[in-house]
Every structure is written in C-alpha cells, then in structure tokens.
Amino acid sequence: MPTTLASVVAGLALLTLLVSLLLPSAATTEVQRLEALAIQLEELIRIAHREAVRTGTPHAVFYDNNSSQFSVFQADLSSEPAGNAGTVYHQVTKQPVTLRMSGNSTLTPSPNPFNFGAGGSKNTLLFDNWGTPFTVTNTVTFGLASANLQITAGSNSKSVTVAPLTGRVSVQ
C-alpha cells in the first residue's frame, strides 16, 4: 500500500501530540523541583525546632554559604558563634539532617538569611527549649526579627518563613 504525503504528515502530527502530552514541560519540572526544595527546607527547620523542644536543649539551623548547604545540630552555647555539640540525625533515614541547595537555585538573603534586628543578620538560627528562635551576640540574646528565605530557580520563586516568636515555619 503506497504511503501518501498526507498520511505521513498526519502520522507526524499525531506523534507530536502524543509526545507533548506524555513529557512534562521543563517549566513544570523546574516548579516541582523548587516546591520540593522549599518543602525540604521547611522540614529541616521544623526538625531543629522539634528537637529543641523535645530534648530541652538549644538546636541550630546553620547555613554554609560556601557549600550552599543547610544543616541541623545540637548547639553548644559556650562559644560564639554557637558550636556544634552533636549532629542531628533524621528519624527515618538515620542520615545527618542537611539540605544542599541545587545548582540552579539561589537563596536570598544570603549569606546570612536570619535577621535578629539589633543582633544583626546571621547564618545560624537557634531554637531554645520552648521552640523560640534566637541568637546570642556578645553574650546578649536577641530574638528573631525576620526570616524570609526566598528560593529562586529561573523565573520562579518560593518563600520559606519562620515566625519570630513561635518558630512556626511555612512555605508560600
């Protein structure tokens, strides 16, 4: 049976339609990755908050601008900045609680995403045994003034915020 130009064009059009329906767009994938990263950061901060309340000892969220990585640890307040008194491990994976920002995403403000008003901006957020976010500068304790971590990938962005008094974390 001979193949006509019309049947070839119709076949290619049908194939193009099927491929476009089956493959997610690059923009959709980027948005999904960004949402997943924001949710992971939200969970990381919640783990530090929860562990501080559960154990009754200060815990910290630390952002390392050089490696673009967040980590959680039990805080040692005998030094300034707060030292690492013990790594926090994820309850399920048994791995250290860390989050590396992906290569195409950026964090604003950086390198110090946590603002403590008169205490300045810091790269470490501490939680006390009540779950209240704070920092210590020159032996003076400062409460969190704002923490609005803007994660951007391409033209899309998500915001992870920490409430100053309660330490409640949300993604917007």
N, C-alpha and C. Protein backbone atom coordinates (compact mmCIF):
# COMPACT_ATOMS: atom_id res chain seq x y z
N MET A 1 0.84 -1.16 0.00
CA MET A 1 0.00 0.00 0.00
C MET A 1 0.90 1.24 0.00
N PRO A 2 0.73 2.14 -0.92
CA PRO A 2 1.59 3.31 -1.04
C PRO A 2 1.29 4.32 0.08
N THR A 3 2.34 4.99 0.52
CA THR A 3 2.21 6.00 1.57
C THR A 3 2.10 7.37 0.91
N THR A 4 1.10 8.10 1.30
CA THR A 4 0.91 9.44 0.73
C THR A 4 1.50 10.48 1.67
N LEU A 5 1.75 11.62 1.12
CA LEU A 5 2.28 12.73 1.91
C LEU A 5 1.30 13.11 3.02
N ALA A 6 0.03 13.07 2.74
CA ALA A 6 -0.98 13.42 3.74
C ALA A 6 -0.95 12.44 4.92
N SER A 7 -0.76 11.15 4.65
CA SER A 7 -0.73 10.18 5.75
C SER A 7 0.54 10.32 6.59
N VAL A 8 1.66 10.70 5.97
CA VAL A 8 2.91 10.91 6.71
C VAL A 8 2.76 12.14 7.62
N VAL A 9 2.20 13.21 7.08
CA VAL A 9 2.01 14.43 7.86
C VAL A 9 1.05 14.16 9.02
N ALA A 10 -0.02 13.43 8.76
CA ALA A 10 -0.99 13.11 9.81
C ALA A 10 -0.33 12.25 10.89
N GLY A 11 0.49 11.31 10.50
CA GLY A 11 1.19 10.45 11.45
C GLY A 11 2.16 11.25 12.32
N LEU A 12 2.92 12.18 11.70
CA LEU A 12 3.84 13.02 12.46
C LEU A 12 3.09 13.95 13.42
N ALA A 13 1.96 14.49 12.99
CA ALA A 13 1.16 15.36 13.85
C ALA A 13 0.65 14.59 15.06
N LEU A 14 0.20 13.36 14.83
CA LEU A 14 -0.30 12.53 15.92
C LEU A 14 0.84 12.17 16.89
N LEU A 15 1.99 11.84 16.34
CA LEU A 15 3.16 11.51 17.17
C LEU A 15 3.59 12.72 18.00
N THR A 16 3.62 13.91 17.40
CA THR A 16 3.98 15.13 18.11
C THR A 16 3.00 15.42 19.24
N LEU A 17 1.73 15.23 19.00
CA LEU A 17 0.71 15.44 20.02
C LEU A 17 0.90 14.47 21.19
N LEU A 18 1.14 13.20 20.90
CA LEU A 18 1.34 12.22 21.97
C LEU A 18 2.58 12.52 22.80
N VAL A 19 3.66 12.90 22.15
CA VAL A 19 4.90 13.21 22.87
C VAL A 19 4.69 14.43 23.76
N SER A 20 4.02 15.45 23.26
CA SER A 20 3.81 16.66 24.07
C SER A 20 2.91 16.39 25.28
N LEU A 21 2.01 15.43 25.17
CA LEU A 21 1.14 15.09 26.29
C LEU A 21 1.86 14.23 27.33
N LEU A 22 2.77 13.40 26.88
CA LEU A 22 3.44 12.46 27.79
C LEU A 22 4.64 13.05 28.52
N LEU A 23 5.34 13.98 27.92
CA LEU A 23 6.53 14.56 28.54
C LEU A 23 6.17 15.85 29.27
N PRO A 24 6.58 15.95 30.54
CA PRO A 24 6.31 17.19 31.26
C PRO A 24 7.18 18.31 30.70
N SER A 25 6.68 19.51 30.76
CA SER A 25 7.46 20.63 30.25
C SER A 25 8.61 20.94 31.20
N ALA A 26 9.64 21.57 30.70
CA ALA A 26 10.79 21.92 31.53
C ALA A 26 10.37 22.90 32.62
N ALA A 27 9.46 23.80 32.31
CA ALA A 27 8.99 24.77 33.31
C ALA A 27 8.26 24.07 34.44
N THR A 28 7.44 23.09 34.12
CA THR A 28 6.71 22.35 35.15
C THR A 28 7.68 21.60 36.05
N THR A 29 8.68 20.99 35.46
CA THR A 29 9.68 20.26 36.24
C THR A 29 10.44 21.21 37.15
N GLU A 30 10.80 22.39 36.66
CA GLU A 30 11.52 23.37 37.46
C GLU A 30 10.68 23.82 38.65
N VAL A 31 9.40 24.07 38.43
CA VAL A 31 8.49 24.47 39.51
C VAL A 31 8.37 23.36 40.54
N GLN A 32 8.27 22.13 40.08
CA GLN A 32 8.16 20.99 41.00
C GLN A 32 9.43 20.85 41.85
N ARG A 33 10.59 21.02 41.24
CA ARG A 33 11.85 20.95 41.98
C ARG A 33 11.94 22.07 43.02
N LEU A 34 11.52 23.26 42.62
CA LEU A 34 11.55 24.40 43.53
C LEU A 34 10.62 24.16 44.71
N GLU A 35 9.42 23.67 44.46
CA GLU A 35 8.48 23.36 45.55
C GLU A 35 9.04 22.29 46.48
N ALA A 36 9.66 21.27 45.90
CA ALA A 36 10.25 20.20 46.72
C ALA A 36 11.38 20.75 47.59
N LEU A 37 12.21 21.62 47.04
CA LEU A 37 13.31 22.21 47.79
C LEU A 37 12.77 23.07 48.94
N ALA A 38 11.74 23.85 48.68
CA ALA A 38 11.14 24.69 49.73
C ALA A 38 10.54 23.83 50.84
N ILE A 39 9.89 22.75 50.49
CA ILE A 39 9.30 21.86 51.48
C ILE A 39 10.39 21.17 52.30
N GLN A 40 11.49 20.78 51.65
CA GLN A 40 12.60 20.16 52.37
C GLN A 40 13.24 21.14 53.35
N LEU A 41 13.37 22.41 52.95
CA LEU A 41 13.92 23.42 53.85
C LEU A 41 12.97 23.66 55.03
N GLU A 42 11.69 23.71 54.75
CA GLU A 42 10.70 23.85 55.80
C GLU A 42 10.82 22.71 56.81
N GLU A 43 10.94 21.49 56.32
CA GLU A 43 11.05 20.33 57.20
C GLU A 43 12.35 20.36 58.00
N LEU A 44 13.45 20.79 57.38
CA LEU A 44 14.73 20.87 58.09
C LEU A 44 14.63 21.83 59.27
N ILE A 45 14.01 22.99 59.06
CA ILE A 45 13.86 23.96 60.15
C ILE A 45 12.93 23.41 61.22
N ARG A 46 11.87 22.73 60.81
CA ARG A 46 10.95 22.12 61.78
C ARG A 46 11.64 21.05 62.63
N ILE A 47 12.55 20.31 62.03
CA ILE A 47 13.28 19.29 62.79
C ILE A 47 14.10 19.95 63.89
N ALA A 48 14.80 21.05 63.57
CA ALA A 48 15.59 21.75 64.59
C ALA A 48 14.67 22.27 65.70
N HIS A 49 13.55 22.84 65.33
CA HIS A 49 12.57 23.35 66.29
C HIS A 49 12.07 22.22 67.18
N ARG A 50 11.67 21.13 66.57
CA ARG A 50 11.10 19.99 67.29
C ARG A 50 12.13 19.36 68.24
N GLU A 51 13.36 19.21 67.78
CA GLU A 51 14.40 18.61 68.61
C GLU A 51 14.75 19.49 69.81
N ALA A 52 14.73 20.80 69.64
CA ALA A 52 14.99 21.71 70.75
C ALA A 52 13.92 21.55 71.83
N VAL A 53 12.67 21.46 71.41
CA VAL A 53 11.57 21.30 72.37
C VAL A 53 11.61 19.91 73.00
N ARG A 54 11.84 18.90 72.17
CA ARG A 54 11.84 17.51 72.66
C ARG A 54 12.95 17.24 73.67
N THR A 55 14.15 17.75 73.38
CA THR A 55 15.29 17.45 74.24
C THR A 55 15.52 18.49 75.33
N GLY A 56 14.91 19.67 75.17
CA GLY A 56 15.12 20.73 76.15
C GLY A 56 16.48 21.40 76.04
N THR A 57 17.15 21.19 74.91
CA THR A 57 18.46 21.81 74.67
C THR A 57 18.41 22.61 73.37
N PRO A 58 19.18 23.70 73.29
CA PRO A 58 19.17 24.51 72.06
C PRO A 58 19.63 23.71 70.85
N HIS A 59 18.95 23.92 69.75
CA HIS A 59 19.34 23.32 68.47
C HIS A 59 19.45 24.43 67.44
N ALA A 60 20.25 24.20 66.41
CA ALA A 60 20.55 25.25 65.44
C ALA A 60 20.32 24.78 64.02
N VAL A 61 19.94 25.75 63.18
CA VAL A 61 19.94 25.59 61.73
C VAL A 61 21.09 26.47 61.25
N PHE A 62 22.03 25.88 60.53
CA PHE A 62 23.22 26.59 60.07
C PHE A 62 23.23 26.61 58.55
N TYR A 63 23.47 27.79 57.96
CA TYR A 63 23.59 27.89 56.50
C TYR A 63 25.03 28.20 56.15
N ASP A 64 25.66 27.29 55.40
CA ASP A 64 27.03 27.47 54.92
C ASP A 64 26.97 28.01 53.50
N ASN A 65 27.28 29.29 53.34
CA ASN A 65 27.19 29.92 52.03
C ASN A 65 28.18 29.34 51.03
N ASN A 66 29.34 28.87 51.50
CA ASN A 66 30.36 28.32 50.60
C ASN A 66 29.88 27.04 49.91
N SER A 67 29.19 26.19 50.67
CA SER A 67 28.71 24.93 50.08
C SER A 67 27.21 24.98 49.74
N SER A 68 26.57 26.12 50.02
CA SER A 68 25.12 26.28 49.80
C SER A 68 24.34 25.16 50.47
N GLN A 69 24.69 24.90 51.73
CA GLN A 69 24.08 23.77 52.44
C GLN A 69 23.58 24.21 53.82
N PHE A 70 22.39 23.72 54.16
CA PHE A 70 21.84 23.89 55.50
C PHE A 70 22.11 22.63 56.29
N SER A 71 22.32 22.77 57.60
CA SER A 71 22.47 21.61 58.47
C SER A 71 21.86 21.93 59.83
N VAL A 72 21.54 20.86 60.56
CA VAL A 72 20.94 20.97 61.89
C VAL A 72 21.86 20.29 62.89
N PHE A 73 22.07 20.95 64.04
CA PHE A 73 22.88 20.34 65.08
C PHE A 73 22.43 20.83 66.45
N GLN A 74 22.81 20.06 67.47
CA GLN A 74 22.59 20.50 68.85
C GLN A 74 23.61 21.59 69.13
N ALA A 75 23.15 22.73 69.65
CA ALA A 75 24.02 23.89 69.80
C ALA A 75 24.78 23.89 71.12
N ASP A 76 26.03 24.26 71.04
CA ASP A 76 26.88 24.48 72.21
C ASP A 76 27.00 25.99 72.38
N LEU A 77 26.35 26.54 73.40
CA LEU A 77 26.31 27.99 73.59
C LEU A 77 27.51 28.52 74.37
N SER A 78 28.47 27.66 74.70
CA SER A 78 29.64 28.12 75.46
C SER A 78 30.61 28.90 74.58
N SER A 79 30.42 28.85 73.26
CA SER A 79 31.28 29.61 72.35
C SER A 79 30.40 30.47 71.45
N GLU A 80 31.04 31.44 70.80
CA GLU A 80 30.31 32.30 69.88
C GLU A 80 31.07 32.37 68.58
N PRO A 81 30.49 32.07 67.44
CA PRO A 81 29.10 31.63 67.31
C PRO A 81 28.90 30.25 67.93
N ALA A 82 27.64 29.89 68.08
CA ALA A 82 27.29 28.62 68.72
C ALA A 82 27.99 27.46 68.01
N GLY A 83 28.58 26.59 68.80
CA GLY A 83 29.28 25.44 68.25
C GLY A 83 28.37 24.25 68.08
N ASN A 84 28.91 23.24 67.44
CA ASN A 84 28.18 22.00 67.19
C ASN A 84 28.43 21.02 68.33
N ALA A 85 27.40 20.80 69.16
CA ALA A 85 27.53 19.87 70.29
C ALA A 85 27.06 18.47 69.92
N GLY A 86 26.56 18.30 68.72
CA GLY A 86 26.10 16.99 68.29
C GLY A 86 25.26 17.07 67.03
N THR A 87 25.55 16.20 66.10
CA THR A 87 24.80 16.15 64.85
C THR A 87 23.41 15.60 65.09
N VAL A 88 22.43 16.15 64.40
CA VAL A 88 21.06 15.65 64.47
C VAL A 88 20.85 14.72 63.28
N TYR A 89 20.31 13.54 63.55
CA TYR A 89 20.06 12.55 62.50
C TYR A 89 18.57 12.43 62.23
N HIS A 90 18.25 12.24 60.97
CA HIS A 90 16.85 12.07 60.56
C HIS A 90 16.29 10.79 61.16
N GLN A 91 15.07 10.84 61.67
CA GLN A 91 14.48 9.68 62.36
C GLN A 91 14.29 8.48 61.44
N VAL A 92 14.03 8.73 60.17
CA VAL A 92 13.76 7.62 59.24
C VAL A 92 15.03 7.17 58.52
N THR A 93 15.74 8.11 57.90
CA THR A 93 16.89 7.74 57.07
C THR A 93 18.16 7.49 57.89
N LYS A 94 18.18 7.97 59.13
CA LYS A 94 19.35 7.85 60.03
C LYS A 94 20.58 8.56 59.47
N GLN A 95 20.36 9.52 58.55
CA GLN A 95 21.42 10.33 57.98
C GLN A 95 21.41 11.70 58.66
N PRO A 96 22.55 12.41 58.67
CA PRO A 96 22.55 13.78 59.22
C PRO A 96 21.52 14.64 58.50
N VAL A 97 20.87 15.52 59.25
CA VAL A 97 19.85 16.39 58.66
C VAL A 97 20.56 17.54 57.97
N THR A 98 20.61 17.48 56.65
CA THR A 98 21.24 18.51 55.83
C THR A 98 20.41 18.72 54.57
N LEU A 99 20.63 19.86 53.94
CA LEU A 99 19.97 20.16 52.66
C LEU A 99 20.89 21.03 51.84
N ARG A 100 21.27 20.53 50.68
CA ARG A 100 22.12 21.29 49.77
C ARG A 100 21.22 21.94 48.71
N MET A 101 21.41 23.25 48.55
CA MET A 101 20.67 23.96 47.51
C MET A 101 21.14 23.44 46.16
N SER A 102 20.21 23.17 45.26
CA SER A 102 20.59 22.64 43.94
C SER A 102 21.31 23.71 43.13
N GLY A 103 22.04 23.27 42.13
CA GLY A 103 22.90 24.14 41.33
C GLY A 103 22.21 25.33 40.69
N ASN A 104 20.96 25.19 40.27
CA ASN A 104 20.30 26.29 39.57
C ASN A 104 19.41 27.13 40.48
N SER A 105 19.44 26.88 41.79
CA SER A 105 18.60 27.65 42.71
C SER A 105 19.46 28.58 43.55
N THR A 106 18.89 29.72 43.91
CA THR A 106 19.61 30.69 44.73
C THR A 106 18.78 31.02 45.96
N LEU A 107 19.47 31.42 47.02
CA LEU A 107 18.82 31.78 48.28
C LEU A 107 19.03 33.26 48.54
N THR A 108 17.94 33.96 48.87
CA THR A 108 18.01 35.38 49.21
C THR A 108 17.32 35.56 50.55
N PRO A 109 17.80 36.26 51.52
CA PRO A 109 19.13 36.88 51.53
C PRO A 109 20.22 35.87 51.84
N SER A 110 21.36 36.10 51.30
CA SER A 110 22.49 35.21 51.52
C SER A 110 23.72 36.09 51.69
N PRO A 111 24.67 35.79 52.49
CA PRO A 111 24.96 34.55 53.18
C PRO A 111 24.32 34.45 54.57
N ASN A 112 23.64 35.50 55.04
CA ASN A 112 23.07 35.49 56.39
C ASN A 112 21.55 35.65 56.31
N PRO A 113 20.83 34.56 56.18
CA PRO A 113 19.39 34.65 55.92
C PRO A 113 18.51 34.93 57.14
N PHE A 114 19.09 34.95 58.35
CA PHE A 114 18.28 35.13 59.55
C PHE A 114 18.56 36.50 60.17
N ASN A 115 17.53 37.33 60.32
CA ASN A 115 17.68 38.70 60.81
C ASN A 115 17.23 38.79 62.26
N PHE A 116 18.11 39.30 63.12
CA PHE A 116 17.82 39.42 64.55
C PHE A 116 17.76 40.88 64.99
N GLY A 117 17.38 41.78 64.11
CA GLY A 117 17.25 43.20 64.44
C GLY A 117 18.58 43.76 64.90
N ALA A 118 18.62 44.27 66.15
CA ALA A 118 19.85 44.86 66.69
C ALA A 118 20.98 43.83 66.79
N GLY A 119 20.63 42.54 66.80
CA GLY A 119 21.63 41.48 66.85
C GLY A 119 22.27 41.20 65.50
N GLY A 120 21.77 41.86 64.45
CA GLY A 120 22.33 41.70 63.11
C GLY A 120 21.78 40.48 62.38
N SER A 121 22.25 40.30 61.17
CA SER A 121 21.87 39.14 60.36
C SER A 121 22.91 38.05 60.56
N LYS A 122 22.44 36.82 60.66
CA LYS A 122 23.33 35.69 60.96
C LYS A 122 23.05 34.54 60.00
N ASN A 123 24.00 33.62 59.95
CA ASN A 123 23.81 32.40 59.15
C ASN A 123 23.35 31.23 60.01
N THR A 124 23.12 31.49 61.31
CA THR A 124 22.68 30.44 62.23
C THR A 124 21.42 30.89 62.95
N LEU A 125 20.45 30.01 62.99
CA LEU A 125 19.20 30.23 63.72
C LEU A 125 19.14 29.21 64.85
N LEU A 126 19.03 29.71 66.09
CA LEU A 126 18.95 28.84 67.25
C LEU A 126 17.50 28.74 67.73
N PHE A 127 17.14 27.60 68.30
CA PHE A 127 15.85 27.40 68.95
C PHE A 127 16.09 27.00 70.39
N ASP A 128 15.37 27.64 71.33
CA ASP A 128 15.51 27.27 72.74
C ASP A 128 14.55 26.12 73.08
N ASN A 129 14.50 25.74 74.37
CA ASN A 129 13.68 24.59 74.77
C ASN A 129 12.18 24.85 74.62
N TRP A 130 11.76 26.08 74.39
CA TRP A 130 10.35 26.40 74.12
C TRP A 130 10.09 26.48 72.62
N GLY A 131 11.14 26.37 71.81
CA GLY A 131 10.99 26.47 70.36
C GLY A 131 11.07 27.89 69.85
N THR A 132 11.50 28.80 70.70
CA THR A 132 11.60 30.21 70.32
C THR A 132 12.92 30.45 69.57
N PRO A 133 12.86 31.07 68.39
CA PRO A 133 14.09 31.34 67.63
C PRO A 133 14.88 32.52 68.22
N PHE A 134 16.20 32.36 68.32
CA PHE A 134 17.04 33.41 68.90
C PHE A 134 18.47 33.27 68.40
N THR A 135 19.30 34.23 68.80
CA THR A 135 20.74 34.16 68.60
C THR A 135 21.42 34.81 69.81
N VAL A 136 22.70 34.59 69.95
CA VAL A 136 23.48 35.20 71.02
C VAL A 136 24.65 35.95 70.37
N THR A 137 24.77 37.25 70.72
CA THR A 137 25.88 38.07 70.23
C THR A 137 26.49 38.79 71.42
N ASN A 138 27.77 38.57 71.66
CA ASN A 138 28.47 39.19 72.80
C ASN A 138 27.71 38.95 74.10
N THR A 139 27.30 37.72 74.31
CA THR A 139 26.57 37.25 75.50
C THR A 139 25.19 37.88 75.66
N VAL A 140 24.69 38.59 74.65
CA VAL A 140 23.35 39.16 74.68
C VAL A 140 22.46 38.33 73.77
N THR A 141 21.28 37.96 74.27
CA THR A 141 20.33 37.17 73.49
C THR A 141 19.41 38.08 72.71
N PHE A 142 19.24 37.78 71.42
CA PHE A 142 18.35 38.53 70.54
C PHE A 142 17.33 37.57 69.95
N GLY A 143 16.07 37.99 69.96
CA GLY A 143 15.02 37.20 69.32
C GLY A 143 15.03 37.42 67.82
N LEU A 144 14.48 36.48 67.11
CA LEU A 144 14.39 36.57 65.66
C LEU A 144 13.49 37.74 65.27
N ALA A 145 13.96 38.60 64.38
CA ALA A 145 13.14 39.71 63.86
C ALA A 145 12.42 39.26 62.60
N SER A 146 13.15 38.57 61.71
CA SER A 146 12.53 38.06 60.49
C SER A 146 13.41 36.99 59.86
N ALA A 147 12.73 36.05 59.24
CA ALA A 147 13.43 35.03 58.46
C ALA A 147 12.52 34.71 57.29
N ASN A 148 12.80 35.35 56.18
CA ASN A 148 12.05 35.13 54.96
C ASN A 148 13.07 34.68 53.91
N LEU A 149 13.20 33.36 53.77
CA LEU A 149 14.20 32.79 52.88
C LEU A 149 13.57 32.60 51.51
N GLN A 150 14.01 33.38 50.55
CA GLN A 150 13.48 33.36 49.20
C GLN A 150 14.35 32.42 48.36
N ILE A 151 13.74 31.35 47.85
CA ILE A 151 14.46 30.41 46.99
C ILE A 151 14.00 30.68 45.56
N THR A 152 14.96 30.92 44.67
CA THR A 152 14.64 31.25 43.29
C THR A 152 15.33 30.27 42.36
N ALA A 153 14.57 29.82 41.36
CA ALA A 153 15.12 28.98 40.29
C ALA A 153 14.51 29.49 38.99
N GLY A 154 15.36 30.07 38.15
CA GLY A 154 14.84 30.66 36.92
C GLY A 154 13.94 31.83 37.24
N SER A 155 12.73 31.83 36.70
CA SER A 155 11.78 32.92 36.94
C SER A 155 10.80 32.58 38.06
N ASN A 156 10.98 31.44 38.71
CA ASN A 156 10.07 31.00 39.77
C ASN A 156 10.72 31.17 41.14
N SER A 157 9.88 31.41 42.15
CA SER A 157 10.42 31.53 43.50
C SER A 157 9.41 31.05 44.53
N LYS A 158 9.93 30.63 45.66
CA LYS A 158 9.15 30.20 46.82
C LYS A 158 9.78 30.86 48.03
N SER A 159 8.95 31.11 49.03
CA SER A 159 9.42 31.76 50.25
C SER A 159 9.16 30.86 51.44
N VAL A 160 10.21 30.64 52.24
CA VAL A 160 10.10 29.89 53.49
C VAL A 160 10.28 30.90 54.61
N THR A 161 9.27 31.01 55.49
CA THR A 161 9.33 31.99 56.57
C THR A 161 9.31 31.29 57.93
N VAL A 162 9.95 31.94 58.90
CA VAL A 162 9.95 31.47 60.28
C VAL A 162 9.36 32.60 61.12
N ALA A 163 8.31 32.28 61.89
CA ALA A 163 7.67 33.28 62.74
C ALA A 163 8.59 33.66 63.90
N PRO A 164 8.74 34.96 64.18
CA PRO A 164 9.68 35.41 65.20
C PRO A 164 9.45 34.85 66.61
N LEU A 165 8.25 34.80 67.10
CA LEU A 165 8.04 34.38 68.49
C LEU A 165 7.84 32.88 68.65
N THR A 166 7.16 32.27 67.70
CA THR A 166 6.79 30.87 67.86
C THR A 166 7.72 29.91 67.14
N GLY A 167 8.46 30.38 66.14
CA GLY A 167 9.31 29.50 65.36
C GLY A 167 8.52 28.69 64.34
N ARG A 168 7.24 29.04 64.14
CA ARG A 168 6.41 28.33 63.15
C ARG A 168 6.97 28.57 61.76
N VAL A 169 7.06 27.50 60.97
CA VAL A 169 7.65 27.56 59.64
C VAL A 169 6.55 27.36 58.60
N SER A 170 6.61 28.15 57.53
CA SER A 170 5.62 27.99 56.46
C SER A 170 6.27 28.26 55.10
N VAL A 171 5.64 27.70 54.06
CA VAL A 171 6.09 27.90 52.69
C VAL A 171 5.00 28.66 51.94
N GLN A 172 5.42 29.66 51.21
CA GLN A 172 4.47 30.44 50.41
C GLN A 172 4.97 30.54 48.99
